[in-house]
Amino acid sequence: MKRIISLVAVLLIIICPMTAGATDETLPAPDWVQTELNSDSSKTVIIKTPTYMIDYVDYYEYSTDGFLTVKKLSEPTGGELRISTTCEFSLRYYSDGFCSPVFSMTVVINRNTVVTCHSTNISIIIPNDSPVPKDITVSAFEIINGPDYIAADEAIDDNVPFRLYDVTVMRNGKIYSSEEPFYYLFPTEGYDVTHCKIYHMTEKGVITLIDSVYEMNMLFCATEKTGMFIVAEDMLYSTGDLSGDGKVQAKDARLALRIAARLDSCSEKQLSAGDIDKNGKIDASDARKILRFAASLDII
């Protein structure tokens, strides 16, 4: 799970400061330069207020072609610089008429590779240090009917909203498999994401819950599996709430009556929520108690 959450950042920033030029004890190295990660995968270099006053800071940025930009930060309270690509830059500051050495720093931005199936918006993140090749492609489509869809519906068994996807990873026109996990991102539009879960389903309809975490409107999970995945809401059935919508209403009493009359089946979660008197079944007595609770005439 920690590995999944760490991927939400989608990049690793390493700062390696080093000094150049003459040493001046009155102007120490700029340990007041800090960095923060931005949501757009760039890095903000922040010049914090040092313990000693500075007059201003000259900022120089370099690329492989040499000198790139220069910016003077004249505010003694510091400022910020936004860096979105790997680069080398240097700082020189002034205090009480003294000029510091030029302090050279390198910001290395290592971005992970994201491969996306644009028809479903299902993606795979490939970390820079992963043995998974960067030239894979993701082929995915949503299954909306047929035997696999029926099998998924029966496997979930709570009549909850779900989507069924068939996901294939390809490389050089052939199916690619890996012993290393793929870091999947599944879309969650239209779902109550606080209750969303991901399952993998075999060809025989057996499902396995996969640990996942919700971030940035997507569900992240790590698994070496491909094939059929189910993204489903996990309804939470509190006492009397047979519909799983978080409320006890007259419709829950009606559903209890239908279950009692064997007109509807119920899952184990629904049985636990609807069996008010704990006699091992949902009957007319339970339905009556649920209706009275919905009308604020009783407690359960």
Protein backbone atom coordinates (compact mmCIF):
# COMPACT_ATOMS: atom_id res chain seq x y z
CA MET A 1 0.00 0.00 0.00
CA LYS A 2 2.85 2.41 0.82
CA ARG A 3 4.30 1.80 -2.64
CA ILE A 4 0.97 2.70 -4.22
CA ILE A 5 0.54 5.89 -2.24
CA SER A 6 4.11 6.95 -3.04
CA LEU A 7 3.25 6.79 -6.76
CA VAL A 8 0.54 9.53 -6.40
CA ALA A 9 3.48 11.99 -6.40
CA VAL A 10 4.49 10.67 -9.88
CA LEU A 11 8.08 12.01 -9.60
CA LEU A 12 11.16 12.04 -7.37
CA ILE A 13 13.11 15.24 -6.82
CA ILE A 14 16.70 15.12 -5.61
CA ILE A 15 18.61 18.25 -4.69
CA CYS A 16 22.37 18.12 -4.55
CA PRO A 17 23.94 21.41 -3.42
CA MET A 18 27.63 22.15 -3.84
CA THR A 19 29.70 25.30 -3.50
CA ALA A 20 32.08 27.01 -5.86
CA GLY A 21 34.30 30.08 -5.58
CA ALA A 22 36.05 31.69 -2.64
CA THR A 23 34.93 31.04 0.93
CA ASP A 24 33.58 33.95 2.98
CA GLU A 25 32.78 33.11 6.60
CA THR A 26 30.44 36.08 6.92
CA LEU A 27 28.23 34.72 4.14
CA PRO A 28 27.50 31.03 4.79
CA ALA A 29 26.17 28.55 2.26
CA PRO A 30 22.47 29.05 1.41
CA ASP A 31 20.86 26.28 3.42
CA TRP A 32 17.70 28.41 3.32
CA VAL A 33 16.89 27.20 -0.19
CA GLN A 34 14.10 24.63 0.00
CA THR A 35 11.86 22.86 -2.50
CA GLU A 36 8.24 21.79 -2.61
CA LEU A 37 6.38 19.47 -4.96
CA ASN A 38 3.60 20.93 -7.10
CA SER A 39 0.50 19.09 -8.32
CA ASP A 40 1.48 19.81 -11.93
CA SER A 41 4.68 17.71 -11.58
CA SER A 42 6.91 20.77 -11.38
CA LYS A 43 9.06 21.85 -8.46
CA THR A 44 8.95 25.19 -6.67
CA VAL A 45 12.31 26.33 -5.35
CA ILE A 46 11.63 28.57 -2.37
CA ILE A 47 14.16 31.00 -0.98
CA LYS A 48 13.26 31.21 2.69
CA THR A 49 14.14 34.14 4.92
CA PRO A 50 17.59 33.34 6.37
CA THR A 51 18.54 34.01 9.96
CA TYR A 52 20.67 36.85 8.68
CA MET A 53 19.49 39.69 6.46
CA ILE A 54 20.24 39.62 2.77
CA ASP A 55 19.98 42.48 0.33
CA TYR A 56 19.06 40.51 -2.78
CA VAL A 57 19.75 37.29 -4.64
CA ASP A 58 20.87 36.76 -8.22
CA TYR A 59 19.49 33.59 -9.78
CA TYR A 60 21.08 31.99 -12.84
CA GLU A 61 19.71 28.94 -14.62
CA TYR A 62 21.64 26.80 -17.07
CA SER A 63 20.72 24.16 -19.60
CA THR A 64 22.78 21.84 -21.78
CA ASP A 65 23.21 24.78 -24.15
CA GLY A 66 24.73 26.95 -21.46
CA PHE A 67 23.41 30.14 -19.88
CA LEU A 68 19.61 30.25 -19.93
CA THR A 69 18.01 32.84 -17.67
CA VAL A 70 18.85 35.30 -14.95
CA LYS A 71 16.49 36.66 -12.32
CA LYS A 72 17.16 39.02 -9.47
CA LEU A 73 15.18 38.44 -6.28
CA SER A 74 15.30 41.79 -4.53
CA GLU A 75 12.95 41.00 -1.63
CA PRO A 76 14.90 40.37 1.59
CA THR A 77 12.09 38.08 2.75
CA GLY A 78 12.83 35.69 -0.08
CA GLY A 79 10.85 34.54 -3.08
CA GLU A 80 10.11 31.46 -5.15
CA LEU A 81 11.24 29.98 -8.45
CA ARG A 82 9.33 27.31 -10.39
CA ILE A 83 11.41 24.61 -12.06
CA SER A 84 9.67 22.04 -14.25
CA THR A 85 12.62 20.30 -15.92
CA THR A 86 15.98 18.95 -14.84
CA CYS A 87 18.39 21.84 -14.73
CA GLU A 88 21.38 23.38 -13.03
CA PHE A 89 21.09 26.78 -11.44
CA SER A 90 23.20 28.97 -9.23
CA LEU A 91 22.61 31.55 -6.52
CA ARG A 92 24.66 34.49 -5.38
CA TYR A 93 23.43 36.77 -2.63
CA TYR A 94 24.52 40.07 -1.15
CA SER A 95 24.52 41.19 2.46
CA ASP A 96 25.79 44.43 3.91
CA GLY A 97 27.77 45.11 0.77
CA PHE A 98 29.43 41.70 0.74
CA CYS A 99 29.07 39.36 -2.22
CA SER A 100 28.79 35.63 -1.55
CA PRO A 101 30.44 32.91 -3.62
CA VAL A 102 28.35 31.48 -6.43
CA PHE A 103 26.49 28.48 -5.06
CA SER A 104 25.67 25.94 -7.75
CA MET A 105 22.78 23.52 -7.37
CA THR A 106 21.26 20.83 -9.53
CA VAL A 107 17.59 19.86 -9.49
CA VAL A 108 16.95 16.45 -11.05
CA ILE A 109 13.32 15.70 -11.90
CA ASN A 110 12.71 12.04 -12.64
CA ARG A 111 9.20 11.61 -13.99
CA ASN A 112 7.51 8.24 -14.18
CA THR A 113 6.09 7.05 -17.49
CA VAL A 114 2.28 6.89 -17.75
CA VAL A 115 0.73 4.67 -20.45
CA THR A 116 -2.99 5.28 -21.02
CA CYS A 117 -5.78 3.56 -22.91
CA HIS A 118 -7.67 6.63 -24.12
CA SER A 119 -10.97 4.83 -24.77
CA THR A 120 -11.33 3.82 -21.10
CA ASN A 121 -8.87 6.20 -19.39
CA ILE A 122 -7.23 3.22 -17.67
CA SER A 123 -3.52 3.87 -17.18
CA ILE A 124 -0.39 2.12 -15.99
CA ILE A 125 2.38 4.02 -14.20
CA ILE A 126 5.90 2.76 -14.92
CA PRO A 127 8.41 3.98 -12.31
CA ASN A 128 11.81 4.94 -13.67
CA ASP A 129 13.48 2.09 -11.80
CA SER A 130 10.93 -0.52 -12.88
CA PRO A 131 12.01 -3.40 -15.14
CA VAL A 132 8.71 -3.02 -17.01
CA PRO A 133 9.65 -1.59 -20.43
CA LYS A 134 8.51 1.93 -21.24
CA ASP A 135 7.22 0.98 -24.71
CA ILE A 136 4.29 -1.13 -23.55
CA THR A 137 0.73 -0.22 -24.57
CA VAL A 138 -2.51 -0.71 -22.67
CA SER A 139 -5.52 -2.11 -24.52
CA ALA A 140 -8.75 -2.03 -22.50
CA PHE A 141 -12.48 -2.05 -23.15
CA GLU A 142 -15.56 -2.05 -20.95
CA ILE A 143 -17.77 -5.13 -20.95
CA ILE A 144 -21.44 -4.17 -20.64
CA ASN A 145 -23.22 -7.49 -21.29
CA GLY A 146 -22.65 -11.16 -22.00
CA PRO A 147 -21.49 -14.13 -19.88
CA ASP A 148 -18.56 -12.29 -18.25
CA TYR A 149 -20.80 -9.40 -17.22
CA ILE A 150 -23.35 -11.81 -15.72
CA ALA A 151 -20.57 -13.65 -13.88
CA ALA A 152 -19.27 -10.36 -12.45
CA ASP A 153 -22.77 -9.35 -11.36
CA GLU A 154 -23.23 -12.67 -9.58
CA ALA A 155 -19.76 -12.50 -8.00
CA ILE A 156 -20.38 -9.05 -6.52
CA ASP A 157 -23.79 -10.31 -5.27
CA ASP A 158 -24.87 -7.09 -3.57
CA ASN A 159 -26.53 -5.52 -6.59
CA VAL A 160 -24.06 -2.66 -6.39
CA PRO A 161 -23.02 -0.39 -9.27
CA PHE A 162 -19.95 -1.75 -11.02
CA ARG A 163 -17.97 -1.60 -14.25
CA LEU A 164 -16.20 -4.56 -15.82
CA TYR A 165 -13.03 -3.99 -17.85
CA ASP A 166 -10.92 -6.37 -19.92
CA VAL A 167 -7.32 -5.10 -19.78
CA THR A 168 -4.44 -6.35 -21.93
CA VAL A 169 -0.83 -5.14 -21.86
CA MET A 170 0.91 -5.31 -25.23
CA ARG A 171 4.49 -4.90 -26.44
CA ASN A 172 5.64 -5.13 -30.04
CA GLY A 173 2.27 -6.52 -31.04
CA LYS A 174 2.35 -9.35 -28.48
CA ILE A 175 0.75 -9.81 -25.06
CA TYR A 176 3.21 -8.77 -22.36
CA SER A 177 3.27 -10.27 -18.88
CA SER A 178 5.47 -9.33 -15.94
CA GLU A 179 6.46 -10.73 -12.56
CA GLU A 180 6.73 -7.12 -11.40
CA PRO A 181 3.44 -5.41 -10.50
CA PHE A 182 1.72 -3.05 -12.88
CA TYR A 183 0.61 0.16 -11.18
CA TYR A 184 -2.94 0.64 -12.46
CA LEU A 185 -5.09 3.75 -12.37
CA PHE A 186 -8.82 3.15 -12.84
CA PRO A 187 -11.38 5.93 -13.42
CA THR A 188 -14.15 6.38 -10.83
CA GLU A 189 -16.58 8.82 -12.48
CA GLY A 190 -20.12 8.40 -11.21
CA TYR A 191 -19.15 6.35 -8.16
CA ASP A 192 -19.10 7.06 -4.45
CA VAL A 193 -15.32 6.83 -4.37
CA THR A 194 -15.17 6.49 -0.58
CA HIS A 195 -16.65 2.99 -1.00
CA CYS A 196 -15.02 1.98 -4.30
CA LYS A 197 -13.03 -1.23 -4.58
CA ILE A 198 -11.16 -3.12 -7.30
CA TYR A 199 -11.50 -6.85 -7.93
CA HIS A 200 -9.75 -9.14 -10.38
CA MET A 201 -11.98 -11.81 -11.94
CA THR A 202 -10.77 -15.09 -13.42
CA GLU A 203 -12.31 -16.78 -16.46
CA LYS A 204 -14.27 -18.98 -14.05
CA GLY A 205 -15.86 -15.96 -12.37
CA VAL A 206 -13.78 -16.11 -9.17
CA ILE A 207 -13.02 -12.62 -7.86
CA THR A 208 -10.11 -11.41 -5.72
CA LEU A 209 -10.07 -8.10 -3.89
CA ILE A 210 -7.01 -5.96 -4.74
CA ASP A 211 -5.71 -3.37 -2.28
CA SER A 212 -6.29 0.09 -3.70
CA VAL A 213 -6.18 3.74 -2.70
CA TYR A 214 -8.15 6.69 -4.05
CA GLU A 215 -6.25 9.78 -5.16
CA MET A 216 -6.77 12.49 -7.78
CA ASN A 217 -10.13 11.07 -9.00
CA MET A 218 -8.56 7.67 -9.73
CA LEU A 219 -8.16 4.34 -7.95
CA PHE A 220 -4.55 3.15 -7.69
CA CYS A 221 -3.63 -0.51 -7.27
CA ALA A 222 -0.58 -2.69 -7.79
CA THR A 223 -0.84 -6.18 -9.27
CA GLU A 224 0.96 -8.30 -11.85
CA LYS A 225 -2.45 -9.47 -13.12
CA THR A 226 -4.10 -8.49 -16.39
CA GLY A 227 -7.48 -9.58 -17.74
CA MET A 228 -10.85 -8.70 -16.22
CA PHE A 229 -11.13 -6.10 -13.46
CA ILE A 230 -14.24 -4.99 -11.61
CA VAL A 231 -14.52 -1.47 -10.23
CA ALA A 232 -17.46 -1.54 -7.82
CA GLU A 233 -19.00 0.36 -4.95
CA ASP A 234 -18.91 -1.50 -1.67
CA MET A 235 -22.26 -0.65 -0.12
CA LEU A 236 -22.29 -0.26 3.63
CA TYR A 237 -25.43 -1.71 5.18
CA SER A 238 -26.22 -0.24 8.59
CA THR A 239 -29.04 -1.60 10.72
CA GLY A 240 -32.34 -1.34 8.82
CA ASP A 241 -30.67 -0.06 5.63
CA LEU A 242 -31.27 -2.88 3.17
CA SER A 243 -30.77 -0.71 0.08
CA GLY A 244 -27.27 0.33 1.15
CA ASP A 245 -27.85 4.04 0.48
CA GLY A 246 -26.93 5.11 4.01
CA LYS A 247 -30.53 5.87 5.08
CA VAL A 248 -33.41 3.88 6.61
CA GLN A 249 -36.58 4.59 4.64
CA ALA A 250 -39.93 3.03 3.80
CA LYS A 251 -38.36 1.36 0.77
CA ASP A 252 -36.14 -0.64 3.12
CA ALA A 253 -39.22 -1.97 4.93
CA ARG A 254 -40.79 -2.84 1.57
CA LEU A 255 -37.61 -4.68 0.55
CA ALA A 256 -37.65 -6.53 3.88
CA LEU A 257 -41.22 -7.67 3.18
CA ARG A 258 -40.27 -8.91 -0.28
CA ILE A 259 -37.36 -10.84 1.20
CA ALA A 260 -39.62 -12.27 3.90
CA ALA A 261 -42.07 -13.38 1.19
CA ARG A 262 -39.18 -14.89 -0.80
CA LEU A 263 -39.86 -12.57 -3.72
CA ASP A 264 -36.32 -11.20 -3.47
CA SER A 265 -33.04 -12.75 -2.39
CA CYS A 266 -30.66 -11.03 0.00
CA SER A 267 -26.93 -10.99 0.60
CA GLU A 268 -25.24 -11.71 3.91
CA LYS A 269 -24.76 -7.98 4.46
CA GLN A 270 -28.45 -7.31 3.85
CA LEU A 271 -29.39 -10.16 6.19
CA SER A 272 -27.22 -8.66 8.92
CA ALA A 273 -28.80 -5.22 8.40
CA GLY A 274 -32.41 -6.42 8.12
CA ASP A 275 -32.53 -9.10 10.82
CA ILE A 276 -33.54 -6.69 13.58
CA ASP A 277 -34.55 -9.31 16.16
CA LYS A 278 -31.51 -11.48 15.31
CA ASN A 279 -33.42 -14.68 14.75
CA GLY A 280 -31.39 -15.56 11.65
CA LYS A 281 -33.88 -14.38 9.03
CA ILE A 282 -35.70 -11.32 7.73
CA ASP A 283 -39.43 -11.58 8.38
CA ALA A 284 -42.53 -9.40 8.61
CA SER A 285 -41.66 -8.43 12.20
CA ASP A 286 -38.34 -6.98 11.00
CA ALA A 287 -40.08 -5.10 8.20
CA ARG A 288 -42.51 -3.56 10.69
CA LYS A 289 -39.70 -2.41 12.96
CA ILE A 290 -37.81 -0.90 10.04
CA LEU A 291 -40.93 0.99 8.92
CA ARG A 292 -41.54 2.37 12.43
CA PHE A 293 -37.91 3.48 12.64
CA ALA A 294 -38.19 5.18 9.21
CA ALA A 295 -41.24 7.06 10.53
CA SER A 296 -39.36 8.04 13.72
CA LEU A 297 -41.83 6.01 15.83
CA ASP A 298 -39.31 3.54 17.18
CA ILE A 299 -35.61 2.84 17.55
CA ILE A 300 -33.70 -0.19 16.32
